[in-house]
């Protein structure tokens, strides 16, 4: 897939591209390019999905209009969320540069996954990111509406065994509940 990251707090002005009209224009242009390459046979017959990565720092109205713009422009999925610039949940971070990741972004990320799942009525796959340190954290993202999860900070602190721990936890939950992963996606959305 192609990820359009318009949400990094480390690039001045980049987050302005999250505004609905700008993200619509950007996604439309990229989709047009992808479709032209597909029509010319340059994608080797493969569909290349386009996902857009958003910030957890958008207000509710901005978030909704931007998600609607991605859908209207033909975006194929969402990545929720990037790091936050809200340092209120971290001690001694006031003078640090860049985004805050990990536990401080977990709840907001999960909330936005849930909101996006409802807004899209589950029609767009969501990659859940932010504060995943355990199988339970990953499962919360899935139940909120994530079809996939990405682990960054948790991987750094928990080590390379974390993905297997997450998979085992989710596998045990599926066996315990008698449900499929598809049935869990958005089940608490």
N, C-alpha and C. Protein backbone atom coordinates (compact mmCIF):
# COMPACT_ATOMS: atom_id res chain seq x y z
N UNK A 1 0.84 -1.19 0.00
CA UNK A 1 0.00 0.00 0.00
C UNK A 1 0.88 1.24 0.00
N UNK A 2 0.28 2.34 -0.37
CA UNK A 2 0.96 3.64 -0.30
C UNK A 2 0.38 4.37 0.90
N UNK A 3 1.25 4.90 1.74
CA UNK A 3 0.82 5.68 2.90
C UNK A 3 1.11 7.15 2.64
N UNK A 4 0.09 7.96 2.73
CA UNK A 4 0.25 9.40 2.61
C UNK A 4 0.22 9.95 4.03
N UNK A 5 1.38 10.35 4.51
CA UNK A 5 1.51 10.83 5.88
C UNK A 5 1.48 12.36 5.88
N UNK A 6 0.33 12.89 6.21
CA UNK A 6 0.18 14.35 6.28
C UNK A 6 0.09 14.80 7.74
N UNK A 7 0.67 13.99 8.61
CA UNK A 7 0.44 14.22 10.04
C UNK A 7 1.70 14.29 10.90
N UNK A 8 2.86 14.23 10.31
CA UNK A 8 4.07 14.29 11.11
C UNK A 8 4.21 15.68 11.74
N UNK A 9 4.44 15.73 13.05
CA UNK A 9 4.62 17.03 13.68
C UNK A 9 6.02 17.60 13.47
N UNK A 10 6.89 16.84 12.83
CA UNK A 10 8.29 17.25 12.67
C UNK A 10 8.56 18.02 11.38
N UNK A 11 7.57 18.11 10.51
CA UNK A 11 7.73 18.82 9.25
C UNK A 11 6.85 20.07 9.27
N UNK A 12 7.45 21.24 9.34
CA UNK A 12 6.65 22.47 9.43
C UNK A 12 5.62 22.58 8.30
N UNK A 13 4.38 22.84 8.68
CA UNK A 13 3.31 23.06 7.72
C UNK A 13 2.67 21.80 7.17
N UNK A 14 3.24 20.64 7.40
CA UNK A 14 2.70 19.41 6.82
C UNK A 14 1.28 19.13 7.28
N UNK A 15 1.02 19.35 8.55
CA UNK A 15 -0.30 19.03 9.09
C UNK A 15 -1.41 19.89 8.48
N UNK A 16 -1.05 20.98 7.83
CA UNK A 16 -2.06 21.79 7.14
C UNK A 16 -2.72 21.01 6.01
N UNK A 17 -2.02 20.00 5.50
CA UNK A 17 -2.57 19.17 4.41
C UNK A 17 -3.68 18.24 4.89
N UNK A 18 -3.91 18.16 6.19
CA UNK A 18 -5.00 17.34 6.71
C UNK A 18 -6.36 18.01 6.50
N UNK A 19 -6.36 19.30 6.22
CA UNK A 19 -7.60 20.04 6.00
C UNK A 19 -8.35 19.39 4.84
N UNK A 20 -9.66 19.31 4.95
CA UNK A 20 -10.49 18.52 4.04
C UNK A 20 -10.25 18.81 2.56
N UNK A 21 -10.27 20.06 2.15
CA UNK A 21 -10.12 20.36 0.72
C UNK A 21 -8.72 19.99 0.23
N UNK A 22 -7.72 20.17 1.07
CA UNK A 22 -6.35 19.85 0.67
C UNK A 22 -6.14 18.34 0.59
N UNK A 23 -6.66 17.60 1.57
CA UNK A 23 -6.47 16.15 1.54
C UNK A 23 -7.28 15.55 0.40
N UNK A 24 -8.43 16.12 0.10
CA UNK A 24 -9.23 15.64 -1.04
C UNK A 24 -8.44 15.80 -2.33
N UNK A 25 -7.86 16.97 -2.52
CA UNK A 25 -7.07 17.23 -3.73
C UNK A 25 -5.87 16.30 -3.82
N UNK A 26 -5.17 16.12 -2.72
CA UNK A 26 -3.98 15.27 -2.70
C UNK A 26 -4.34 13.81 -3.00
N UNK A 27 -5.35 13.29 -2.31
CA UNK A 27 -5.76 11.90 -2.53
C UNK A 27 -6.27 11.71 -3.95
N UNK A 28 -7.06 12.64 -4.45
CA UNK A 28 -7.57 12.54 -5.83
C UNK A 28 -6.43 12.48 -6.83
N UNK A 29 -5.44 13.33 -6.66
CA UNK A 29 -4.29 13.36 -7.58
C UNK A 29 -3.50 12.06 -7.54
N UNK A 30 -3.26 11.55 -6.36
CA UNK A 30 -2.49 10.31 -6.23
C UNK A 30 -3.29 9.14 -6.79
N UNK A 31 -4.58 9.08 -6.51
CA UNK A 31 -5.42 8.00 -7.05
C UNK A 31 -5.45 8.05 -8.57
N UNK A 32 -5.51 9.25 -9.13
CA UNK A 32 -5.50 9.39 -10.59
C UNK A 32 -4.20 8.82 -11.15
N UNK A 33 -3.08 9.14 -10.52
CA UNK A 33 -1.78 8.63 -10.95
C UNK A 33 -1.73 7.11 -10.85
N UNK A 34 -2.19 6.57 -9.73
CA UNK A 34 -2.20 5.11 -9.55
C UNK A 34 -3.06 4.45 -10.62
N UNK A 35 -4.23 5.01 -10.87
CA UNK A 35 -5.13 4.44 -11.88
C UNK A 35 -4.54 4.50 -13.28
N UNK A 36 -3.82 5.58 -13.59
CA UNK A 36 -3.15 5.68 -14.90
C UNK A 36 -2.08 4.60 -15.03
N UNK A 37 -1.32 4.39 -13.99
CA UNK A 37 -0.28 3.34 -14.02
C UNK A 37 -0.92 1.96 -14.16
N UNK A 38 -2.03 1.77 -13.48
CA UNK A 38 -2.75 0.49 -13.56
C UNK A 38 -3.26 0.27 -14.98
N UNK A 39 -3.85 1.30 -15.57
CA UNK A 39 -4.38 1.19 -16.93
C UNK A 39 -3.28 0.90 -17.94
N UNK A 40 -2.09 1.41 -17.68
CA UNK A 40 -0.96 1.19 -18.58
C UNK A 40 -0.26 -0.15 -18.29
N UNK A 41 -0.76 -0.88 -17.30
CA UNK A 41 -0.17 -2.18 -16.98
C UNK A 41 1.11 -2.10 -16.18
N UNK A 42 1.42 -0.95 -15.62
CA UNK A 42 2.68 -0.79 -14.90
C UNK A 42 2.63 -1.27 -13.46
N UNK A 43 1.45 -1.64 -12.98
CA UNK A 43 1.32 -2.15 -11.62
C UNK A 43 1.31 -3.67 -11.60
N UNK A 44 1.65 -4.28 -12.72
CA UNK A 44 1.68 -5.74 -12.86
C UNK A 44 0.34 -6.35 -12.45
N UNK A 45 -0.74 -5.65 -12.77
CA UNK A 45 -2.08 -6.15 -12.49
C UNK A 45 -2.49 -6.06 -11.03
N UNK A 46 -1.68 -5.44 -10.21
CA UNK A 46 -1.98 -5.35 -8.77
C UNK A 46 -2.64 -4.02 -8.43
N UNK A 47 -3.64 -4.10 -7.57
CA UNK A 47 -4.23 -2.89 -7.03
C UNK A 47 -3.30 -2.36 -5.94
N UNK A 48 -3.03 -1.08 -5.96
CA UNK A 48 -2.19 -0.49 -4.92
C UNK A 48 -3.07 0.42 -4.08
N UNK A 49 -3.43 -0.03 -2.87
CA UNK A 49 -4.30 0.80 -2.04
C UNK A 49 -3.58 2.02 -1.48
N UNK A 50 -4.35 3.08 -1.31
CA UNK A 50 -3.84 4.35 -0.80
C UNK A 50 -4.43 4.62 0.59
N UNK A 51 -3.57 4.67 1.59
CA UNK A 51 -3.97 4.94 2.96
C UNK A 51 -3.48 6.33 3.36
N UNK A 52 -4.26 7.01 4.19
CA UNK A 52 -3.89 8.34 4.67
C UNK A 52 -3.71 8.28 6.19
N UNK A 53 -2.58 8.81 6.65
CA UNK A 53 -2.26 8.80 8.08
C UNK A 53 -2.56 10.17 8.68
N UNK A 54 -3.38 10.15 9.74
CA UNK A 54 -3.82 11.38 10.38
C UNK A 54 -3.24 11.56 11.78
N UNK A 55 -3.26 12.80 12.21
CA UNK A 55 -2.80 13.21 13.54
C UNK A 55 -3.90 12.96 14.58
N UNK A 56 -3.52 12.71 15.82
CA UNK A 56 -4.52 12.62 16.88
C UNK A 56 -4.92 13.99 17.42
N UNK A 57 -4.32 15.04 16.89
CA UNK A 57 -4.51 16.39 17.44
C UNK A 57 -5.59 17.20 16.73
N UNK A 58 -6.28 16.61 15.77
CA UNK A 58 -7.35 17.32 15.07
C UNK A 58 -8.58 17.40 15.98
N UNK A 59 -9.35 18.48 15.83
CA UNK A 59 -10.60 18.53 16.59
C UNK A 59 -11.64 17.66 15.86
N UNK A 60 -12.77 17.42 16.51
CA UNK A 60 -13.75 16.48 15.97
C UNK A 60 -14.29 16.90 14.61
N UNK A 61 -14.57 18.18 14.43
CA UNK A 61 -15.11 18.65 13.15
C UNK A 61 -14.08 18.50 12.03
N UNK A 62 -12.83 18.86 12.31
CA UNK A 62 -11.77 18.71 11.31
C UNK A 62 -11.58 17.24 10.95
N UNK A 63 -11.57 16.39 11.95
CA UNK A 63 -11.38 14.96 11.72
C UNK A 63 -12.49 14.41 10.84
N UNK A 64 -13.73 14.72 11.17
CA UNK A 64 -14.85 14.20 10.39
C UNK A 64 -14.79 14.68 8.94
N UNK A 65 -14.56 15.97 8.74
CA UNK A 65 -14.55 16.48 7.36
C UNK A 65 -13.37 15.91 6.57
N UNK A 66 -12.25 15.68 7.22
CA UNK A 66 -11.09 15.11 6.53
C UNK A 66 -11.32 13.65 6.16
N UNK A 67 -11.94 12.88 7.05
CA UNK A 67 -12.26 11.47 6.75
C UNK A 67 -13.25 11.42 5.59
N UNK A 68 -14.25 12.26 5.63
CA UNK A 68 -15.23 12.31 4.54
C UNK A 68 -14.56 12.69 3.22
N UNK A 69 -13.59 13.60 3.27
CA UNK A 69 -12.86 14.01 2.06
C UNK A 69 -12.04 12.86 1.49
N UNK A 70 -11.40 12.08 2.36
CA UNK A 70 -10.63 10.92 1.89
C UNK A 70 -11.56 9.94 1.19
N UNK A 71 -12.71 9.69 1.77
CA UNK A 71 -13.67 8.76 1.16
C UNK A 71 -14.15 9.29 -0.19
N UNK A 72 -14.49 10.57 -0.24
CA UNK A 72 -14.99 11.16 -1.48
C UNK A 72 -13.94 11.15 -2.58
N UNK A 73 -12.68 11.24 -2.21
CA UNK A 73 -11.59 11.27 -3.19
C UNK A 73 -11.14 9.87 -3.61
N UNK A 74 -11.72 8.85 -3.01
CA UNK A 74 -11.38 7.48 -3.40
C UNK A 74 -10.27 6.84 -2.60
N UNK A 75 -9.93 7.40 -1.44
CA UNK A 75 -8.92 6.78 -0.59
C UNK A 75 -9.35 5.38 -0.19
N UNK A 76 -8.37 4.51 0.01
CA UNK A 76 -8.67 3.11 0.27
C UNK A 76 -8.60 2.72 1.74
N UNK A 77 -8.00 3.57 2.58
CA UNK A 77 -7.88 3.22 3.98
C UNK A 77 -7.29 4.35 4.79
N UNK A 78 -7.27 4.14 6.11
CA UNK A 78 -6.79 5.15 7.05
C UNK A 78 -5.75 4.54 7.98
N UNK A 79 -4.81 5.37 8.40
CA UNK A 79 -3.85 4.98 9.43
C UNK A 79 -4.06 5.96 10.58
N UNK A 80 -4.47 5.41 11.72
CA UNK A 80 -4.85 6.24 12.87
C UNK A 80 -4.12 5.74 14.11
N UNK A 81 -3.24 6.50 14.65
CA UNK A 81 -2.83 7.86 14.35
C UNK A 81 -1.31 7.98 14.43
N UNK A 82 -0.86 9.16 14.06
CA UNK A 82 0.54 9.50 14.20
C UNK A 82 0.80 9.93 15.65
N UNK A 83 1.94 10.52 15.90
CA UNK A 83 2.28 11.01 17.23
C UNK A 83 1.51 12.30 17.53
N UNK A 84 1.50 12.67 18.79
CA UNK A 84 0.79 13.88 19.23
C UNK A 84 1.79 14.97 19.64
N UNK A 85 1.35 16.20 19.54
CA UNK A 85 2.15 17.31 20.06
C UNK A 85 1.62 17.75 21.43
N UNK A 86 0.56 17.10 21.89
CA UNK A 86 0.00 17.39 23.21
C UNK A 86 0.89 16.77 24.28
N UNK A 87 1.62 17.61 24.97
CA UNK A 87 2.58 17.13 25.97
C UNK A 87 2.01 17.14 27.38
N UNK A 88 0.71 17.35 27.50
CA UNK A 88 0.09 17.46 28.82
C UNK A 88 0.10 16.16 29.60
N UNK A 89 0.24 15.02 28.93
CA UNK A 89 0.23 13.73 29.62
C UNK A 89 1.63 13.21 29.92
N UNK A 90 2.63 14.02 29.63
CA UNK A 90 4.02 13.58 29.82
C UNK A 90 4.74 14.60 30.70
N UNK A 91 5.37 14.12 31.75
CA UNK A 91 6.14 15.02 32.61
C UNK A 91 7.48 15.33 31.96
N UNK A 92 7.96 16.52 32.16
CA UNK A 92 9.27 16.97 31.67
C UNK A 92 9.40 16.94 30.14
N UNK A 93 8.30 17.10 29.43
CA UNK A 93 8.36 17.07 27.97
C UNK A 93 8.15 18.44 27.34
N UNK A 94 7.92 19.45 28.15
CA UNK A 94 7.56 20.76 27.63
C UNK A 94 8.58 21.33 26.66
N UNK A 95 9.85 21.05 26.86
CA UNK A 95 10.88 21.65 26.01
C UNK A 95 11.42 20.68 24.96
N UNK A 96 10.83 19.51 24.86
CA UNK A 96 11.28 18.54 23.87
C UNK A 96 10.61 18.81 22.53
N UNK A 97 11.35 18.55 21.48
CA UNK A 97 10.83 18.73 20.13
C UNK A 97 10.22 17.42 19.64
N UNK A 98 9.37 17.53 18.63
CA UNK A 98 8.81 16.35 17.98
C UNK A 98 7.56 15.84 18.66
N UNK A 99 7.06 14.75 18.12
CA UNK A 99 5.82 14.18 18.60
C UNK A 99 6.03 13.23 19.77
N UNK A 100 4.96 13.06 20.52
CA UNK A 100 4.94 12.13 21.65
C UNK A 100 4.24 10.86 21.17
N UNK A 101 4.87 9.72 21.46
CA UNK A 101 4.30 8.44 21.04
C UNK A 101 4.05 7.56 22.26
N UNK A 102 3.57 6.36 22.01
CA UNK A 102 3.38 5.39 23.08
C UNK A 102 2.11 5.61 23.87
N UNK A 103 2.18 5.31 25.15
CA UNK A 103 1.01 5.34 26.02
C UNK A 103 0.26 6.68 25.97
N UNK A 104 0.93 7.84 25.94
CA UNK A 104 0.18 9.10 25.92
C UNK A 104 -0.76 9.28 24.72
N UNK A 105 -0.55 8.56 23.65
CA UNK A 105 -1.40 8.70 22.47
C UNK A 105 -2.43 7.56 22.36
N UNK A 106 -2.30 6.54 23.19
CA UNK A 106 -3.12 5.32 23.07
C UNK A 106 -4.62 5.60 23.07
N UNK A 107 -5.13 6.27 24.09
CA UNK A 107 -6.57 6.45 24.21
C UNK A 107 -7.14 7.31 23.09
N UNK A 108 -6.44 8.39 22.75
CA UNK A 108 -6.93 9.26 21.68
C UNK A 108 -6.93 8.52 20.35
N UNK A 109 -5.90 7.76 20.09
CA UNK A 109 -5.83 6.97 18.86
C UNK A 109 -7.01 6.00 18.79
N UNK A 110 -7.27 5.30 19.87
CA UNK A 110 -8.38 4.33 19.90
C UNK A 110 -9.71 5.04 19.71
N UNK A 111 -9.86 6.20 20.32
CA UNK A 111 -11.09 6.98 20.16
C UNK A 111 -11.30 7.38 18.70
N UNK A 112 -10.23 7.81 18.02
CA UNK A 112 -10.36 8.21 16.62
C UNK A 112 -10.59 7.01 15.71
N UNK A 113 -10.02 5.87 16.04
CA UNK A 113 -10.31 4.65 15.27
C UNK A 113 -11.80 4.34 15.37
N UNK A 114 -12.33 4.39 16.56
CA UNK A 114 -13.76 4.12 16.78
C UNK A 114 -14.61 5.12 15.99
N UNK A 115 -14.25 6.38 16.06
CA UNK A 115 -15.02 7.42 15.36
C UNK A 115 -14.95 7.21 13.84
N UNK A 116 -13.77 6.92 13.33
CA UNK A 116 -13.61 6.71 11.89
C UNK A 116 -14.37 5.47 11.43
N UNK A 117 -14.36 4.43 12.24
CA UNK A 117 -15.09 3.21 11.88
C UNK A 117 -16.58 3.52 11.74
N UNK A 118 -17.09 4.32 12.65
CA UNK A 118 -18.50 4.71 12.58
C UNK A 118 -18.76 5.60 11.36
N UNK A 119 -17.88 6.59 11.16
CA UNK A 119 -18.07 7.52 10.03
C UNK A 119 -18.05 6.80 8.69
N UNK A 120 -17.17 5.83 8.57
CA UNK A 120 -17.03 5.10 7.29
C UNK A 120 -17.95 3.90 7.22
N UNK A 121 -18.66 3.63 8.30
CA UNK A 121 -19.52 2.45 8.40
C UNK A 121 -18.74 1.18 8.08
N UNK A 122 -17.46 1.18 8.47
CA UNK A 122 -16.61 0.02 8.27
C UNK A 122 -16.18 -0.23 6.84
N UNK A 123 -16.44 0.73 5.95
CA UNK A 123 -16.12 0.53 4.52
C UNK A 123 -14.65 0.71 4.20
N UNK A 124 -13.90 1.43 5.04
CA UNK A 124 -12.47 1.61 4.80
C UNK A 124 -11.69 0.85 5.86
N UNK A 125 -10.70 0.08 5.45
CA UNK A 125 -9.85 -0.55 6.46
C UNK A 125 -9.06 0.52 7.21
N UNK A 126 -8.87 0.26 8.49
CA UNK A 126 -8.13 1.18 9.35
C UNK A 126 -6.94 0.43 9.94
N UNK A 127 -5.78 1.05 9.84
CA UNK A 127 -4.59 0.53 10.51
C UNK A 127 -4.47 1.30 11.82
N UNK A 128 -4.56 0.58 12.92
CA UNK A 128 -4.51 1.20 14.24
C UNK A 128 -3.09 1.30 14.75
N UNK A 129 -2.71 2.51 15.16
CA UNK A 129 -1.35 2.78 15.63
C UNK A 129 -1.45 3.67 16.87
N UNK A 130 -0.56 3.43 17.81
CA UNK A 130 -0.47 4.34 18.95
C UNK A 130 -0.65 3.68 20.29
N UNK A 131 0.44 3.49 21.00
CA UNK A 131 0.37 2.99 22.36
C UNK A 131 0.12 1.50 22.49
N UNK A 132 0.51 0.73 21.49
CA UNK A 132 0.31 -0.72 21.56
C UNK A 132 1.54 -1.36 22.20
N UNK A 133 1.35 -1.86 23.41
CA UNK A 133 2.42 -2.50 24.17
C UNK A 133 2.08 -3.95 24.53
N UNK A 134 0.87 -4.39 24.16
CA UNK A 134 0.43 -5.73 24.55
C UNK A 134 -0.66 -6.22 23.59
N UNK A 135 -0.98 -7.48 23.74
CA UNK A 135 -2.08 -8.04 22.97
C UNK A 135 -3.40 -7.36 23.31
N UNK A 136 -3.59 -7.03 24.58
CA UNK A 136 -4.81 -6.34 25.00
C UNK A 136 -4.92 -4.98 24.31
N UNK A 137 -3.81 -4.25 24.22
CA UNK A 137 -3.82 -2.95 23.53
C UNK A 137 -4.20 -3.12 22.07
N UNK A 138 -3.63 -4.12 21.41
CA UNK A 138 -3.94 -4.38 20.00
C UNK A 138 -5.41 -4.76 19.85
N UNK A 139 -5.90 -5.60 20.74
CA UNK A 139 -7.29 -6.03 20.68
C UNK A 139 -8.24 -4.85 20.86
N UNK A 140 -7.90 -3.90 21.72
CA UNK A 140 -8.74 -2.71 21.88
C UNK A 140 -8.84 -1.94 20.56
N UNK A 141 -7.72 -1.81 19.85
CA UNK A 141 -7.74 -1.11 18.56
C UNK A 141 -8.62 -1.87 17.57
N UNK A 142 -8.50 -3.19 17.55
CA UNK A 142 -9.30 -4.01 16.63
C UNK A 142 -10.78 -3.88 16.95
N UNK A 143 -11.13 -4.01 18.20
CA UNK A 143 -12.54 -3.89 18.58
C UNK A 143 -13.09 -2.49 18.31
N UNK A 144 -12.22 -1.49 18.33
CA UNK A 144 -12.65 -0.12 18.00
C UNK A 144 -12.89 0.05 16.50
N UNK A 145 -12.24 -0.81 15.68
CA UNK A 145 -12.46 -0.72 14.24
C UNK A 145 -11.24 -0.93 13.38
N UNK A 146 -10.08 -1.18 13.98
CA UNK A 146 -8.86 -1.40 13.19
C UNK A 146 -8.86 -2.80 12.58
N UNK A 147 -8.54 -2.87 11.30
CA UNK A 147 -8.40 -4.16 10.63
C UNK A 147 -6.99 -4.71 10.80
N UNK A 148 -6.05 -3.81 11.00
CA UNK A 148 -4.64 -4.13 11.19
C UNK A 148 -4.10 -3.23 12.28
N UNK A 149 -2.97 -3.62 12.86
CA UNK A 149 -2.30 -2.74 13.81
C UNK A 149 -0.83 -2.63 13.45
N UNK A 150 -0.25 -1.49 13.79
CA UNK A 150 1.19 -1.27 13.65
C UNK A 150 1.75 -0.98 15.04
N UNK A 151 2.93 -1.51 15.29
CA UNK A 151 3.56 -1.34 16.59
C UNK A 151 4.92 -0.69 16.38
N UNK A 152 5.16 0.43 17.05
CA UNK A 152 6.45 1.11 16.98
C UNK A 152 7.09 1.19 18.36
N UNK A 153 6.60 2.11 19.19
CA UNK A 153 7.20 2.34 20.50
C UNK A 153 7.18 1.08 21.36
N UNK A 154 6.08 0.36 21.34
CA UNK A 154 6.00 -0.88 22.10
C UNK A 154 7.07 -1.87 21.67
N UNK A 155 7.33 -1.93 20.38
CA UNK A 155 8.36 -2.83 19.85
C UNK A 155 9.73 -2.44 20.38
N UNK A 156 9.99 -1.15 20.43
CA UNK A 156 11.28 -0.66 20.93
C UNK A 156 11.47 -1.05 22.40
N UNK A 157 10.43 -0.87 23.20
CA UNK A 157 10.55 -1.13 24.63
C UNK A 157 10.32 -2.59 25.01
N UNK A 158 9.48 -3.30 24.28
CA UNK A 158 9.18 -4.69 24.61
C UNK A 158 10.06 -5.69 23.87
N UNK A 159 10.63 -5.25 22.74
CA UNK A 159 11.53 -6.11 22.00
C UNK A 159 10.85 -6.92 20.90
N UNK A 160 11.66 -7.70 20.16
CA UNK A 160 11.16 -8.41 18.98
C UNK A 160 10.16 -9.53 19.28
N UNK A 161 9.99 -9.89 20.53
CA UNK A 161 9.00 -10.93 20.85
C UNK A 161 7.58 -10.35 20.93
N UNK A 162 7.44 -9.03 20.94
CA UNK A 162 6.12 -8.42 21.10
C UNK A 162 5.13 -8.83 20.01
N UNK A 163 5.48 -8.82 18.73
CA UNK A 163 4.49 -9.23 17.72
C UNK A 163 3.94 -10.64 17.97
N UNK A 164 4.79 -11.57 18.34
CA UNK A 164 4.32 -12.93 18.62
C UNK A 164 3.42 -12.95 19.85
N UNK A 165 3.77 -12.17 20.87
CA UNK A 165 2.92 -12.10 22.07
C UNK A 165 1.54 -11.56 21.71
N UNK A 166 1.52 -10.54 20.86
CA UNK A 166 0.24 -9.97 20.42
C UNK A 166 -0.57 -11.00 19.66
N UNK A 167 0.06 -11.69 18.72
CA UNK A 167 -0.64 -12.71 17.93
C UNK A 167 -1.19 -13.83 18.82
N UNK A 168 -0.41 -14.27 19.77
CA UNK A 168 -0.86 -15.34 20.69
C UNK A 168 -2.06 -14.86 21.52
N UNK A 169 -1.97 -13.64 22.01
CA UNK A 169 -3.07 -13.10 22.82
C UNK A 169 -4.35 -13.06 21.99
N UNK A 170 -4.25 -12.54 20.78
CA UNK A 170 -5.44 -12.43 19.93
C UNK A 170 -5.95 -13.81 19.54
N UNK A 171 -5.05 -14.73 19.23
CA UNK A 171 -5.46 -16.10 18.91
C UNK A 171 -6.21 -16.73 20.09
N UNK A 172 -5.70 -16.54 21.29
CA UNK A 172 -6.38 -17.06 22.48
C UNK A 172 -7.75 -16.42 22.66
N UNK A 173 -7.84 -15.13 22.39
CA UNK A 173 -9.13 -14.44 22.50
C UNK A 173 -10.12 -14.97 21.47
N UNK A 174 -9.66 -15.24 20.26
CA UNK A 174 -10.54 -15.80 19.23
C UNK A 174 -11.05 -17.17 19.65
N UNK A 175 -10.15 -17.99 20.16
CA UNK A 175 -10.56 -19.33 20.63
C UNK A 175 -11.53 -19.23 21.79
N UNK A 176 -11.24 -18.33 22.73
CA UNK A 176 -12.10 -18.16 23.90
C UNK A 176 -13.50 -17.69 23.52
N UNK A 177 -13.55 -16.72 22.60
CA UNK A 177 -14.83 -16.11 22.23
C UNK A 177 -15.58 -16.88 21.15
N UNK A 178 -14.86 -17.73 20.42
CA UNK A 178 -15.50 -18.45 19.31
C UNK A 178 -15.77 -17.55 18.11
N UNK A 179 -15.13 -16.40 18.08
CA UNK A 179 -15.34 -15.44 16.99
C UNK A 179 -14.15 -15.43 16.05
N UNK A 180 -14.39 -14.87 14.87
CA UNK A 180 -13.30 -14.65 13.92
C UNK A 180 -12.77 -13.24 14.12
N UNK A 181 -11.61 -12.99 13.57
CA UNK A 181 -11.04 -11.65 13.67
C UNK A 181 -11.97 -10.63 13.00
N UNK A 182 -12.58 -11.02 11.87
CA UNK A 182 -13.50 -10.11 11.19
C UNK A 182 -14.69 -9.74 12.08
N UNK A 183 -15.12 -10.68 12.91
CA UNK A 183 -16.24 -10.38 13.81
C UNK A 183 -15.83 -9.44 14.94
N UNK A 184 -14.55 -9.43 15.27
CA UNK A 184 -14.08 -8.54 16.33
C UNK A 184 -13.84 -7.11 15.84
N UNK A 185 -13.48 -6.97 14.55
CA UNK A 185 -13.20 -5.63 14.01
C UNK A 185 -14.45 -4.76 14.14
N UNK A 186 -14.33 -3.69 14.90
CA UNK A 186 -15.43 -2.75 15.08
C UNK A 186 -16.53 -3.23 16.01
N UNK A 187 -16.31 -4.35 16.71
CA UNK A 187 -17.37 -4.89 17.58
C UNK A 187 -17.69 -3.99 18.77
N UNK A 188 -16.76 -3.09 19.09
CA UNK A 188 -17.02 -2.11 20.14
C UNK A 188 -16.92 -0.70 19.58
N UNK A 189 -17.20 -0.60 18.28
CA UNK A 189 -17.14 0.69 17.59
C UNK A 189 -18.42 1.41 17.79
